[in-house]
């Protein structure tokens, strides 16, 4: 049996895809947040489908993730016509 190091395990469990859009630090951060959101929603739906968590709990967790994701979008200024102010 092949041995896997921690990096191999992380890449399997938490895959990241390269960013191909217009590069700005905000867009790159948003893309990372989007990938994490999608991955976590996938895990939650898998747990619910397997009967490990009830539907109501899955809904609550996904709703909380959406709230966090939407907040990060607003903080990064994604979708605004003007870039976020530098602090």
Protein backbone atom coordinates (compact mmCIF):
# COMPACT_ATOMS: atom_id res chain seq x y z
CA UNK A 1 0.00 0.00 0.00
CA UNK A 2 1.34 3.43 -0.93
CA UNK A 3 2.16 5.86 1.85
CA UNK A 4 0.71 9.34 1.77
CA UNK A 5 2.25 12.29 3.53
CA UNK A 6 0.23 15.08 5.14
CA UNK A 7 0.50 17.25 2.02
CA UNK A 8 -1.03 14.47 -0.12
CA UNK A 9 -3.88 14.08 2.35
CA UNK A 10 -4.51 17.83 2.48
CA UNK A 11 -4.51 18.06 -1.31
CA UNK A 12 -7.02 15.21 -1.49
CA UNK A 13 -9.32 16.52 1.24
CA UNK A 14 -8.94 20.22 0.45
CA UNK A 15 -8.24 20.55 -3.27
CA UNK A 16 -7.55 24.03 -4.63
CA UNK A 17 -7.90 25.06 -8.21
CA UNK A 18 -5.81 27.82 -9.77
CA UNK A 19 -7.39 31.23 -10.25
CA UNK A 20 -7.82 32.33 -13.88
CA UNK A 21 -9.72 35.63 -13.58
CA UNK A 22 -8.60 39.24 -13.50
CA UNK A 23 -5.97 39.32 -10.80
CA UNK A 24 -6.48 41.52 -7.80
CA UNK A 25 -5.79 40.50 -4.21
CA UNK A 26 -9.54 40.83 -3.53
CA UNK A 27 -10.49 38.56 -6.43
CA UNK A 28 -7.92 35.98 -5.38
CA UNK A 29 -9.17 36.00 -1.77
CA UNK A 30 -12.78 35.78 -2.96
CA UNK A 31 -11.94 32.81 -5.16
CA UNK A 32 -10.30 31.00 -2.22
CA UNK A 33 -13.38 31.75 -0.08
CA UNK A 34 -15.67 30.49 -2.83
CA UNK A 35 -13.74 27.23 -3.16
CA UNK A 36 -13.85 26.70 0.59
CA UNK A 37 -17.58 27.49 0.71
CA UNK A 38 -18.32 25.00 -2.07
CA UNK A 39 -16.20 22.30 -0.46
CA UNK A 40 -17.80 22.71 2.96
CA UNK A 41 -21.31 22.69 1.48
CA UNK A 42 -20.37 19.45 -0.28
CA UNK A 43 -19.27 17.87 3.01
CA UNK A 44 -22.46 18.99 4.76
CA UNK A 45 -24.70 17.64 2.01
CA UNK A 46 -22.77 14.36 2.03
CA UNK A 47 -23.31 14.04 5.79
CA UNK A 48 -27.01 14.80 5.43
CA UNK A 49 -27.43 12.37 2.54
CA UNK A 50 -25.71 9.64 4.55
CA UNK A 51 -28.05 10.26 7.48
CA UNK A 52 -25.26 11.48 9.77
CA UNK A 53 -26.90 14.86 10.42
CA UNK A 54 -30.56 15.86 10.14
CA UNK A 55 -31.76 18.03 7.26
CA UNK A 56 -32.49 20.94 9.58
CA UNK A 57 -28.91 20.89 10.89
CA UNK A 58 -27.52 20.76 7.35
CA UNK A 59 -29.70 23.72 6.40
CA UNK A 60 -28.57 25.68 9.47
CA UNK A 61 -24.90 25.01 8.78
CA UNK A 62 -25.17 25.93 5.10
CA UNK A 63 -27.10 29.09 5.95
CA UNK A 64 -24.34 30.09 8.40
CA UNK A 65 -21.67 29.40 5.78
CA UNK A 66 -23.59 31.51 3.27
CA UNK A 67 -23.79 34.40 5.75
CA UNK A 68 -20.03 34.23 6.32
CA UNK A 69 -19.32 33.94 2.59
CA UNK A 70 -21.59 36.86 1.74
CA UNK A 71 -19.93 38.99 4.43
CA UNK A 72 -16.50 38.24 2.98
CA UNK A 73 -17.78 39.25 -0.47
CA UNK A 74 -18.96 42.58 0.87
CA UNK A 75 -15.76 43.16 2.87
CA UNK A 76 -13.66 42.48 -0.22
CA UNK A 77 -15.79 44.80 -2.34
CA UNK A 78 -16.56 42.13 -4.89
CA UNK A 79 -19.36 43.21 -7.22
CA UNK A 80 -18.90 46.90 -6.47
CA UNK A 81 -17.91 49.26 -9.26
CA UNK A 82 -15.27 50.82 -7.03
CA UNK A 83 -12.47 48.91 -5.30
CA UNK A 84 -12.50 48.72 -1.50
CA UNK A 85 -10.76 51.51 0.35
CA UNK A 86 -7.23 50.87 1.49
CA UNK A 87 -6.85 50.91 5.25
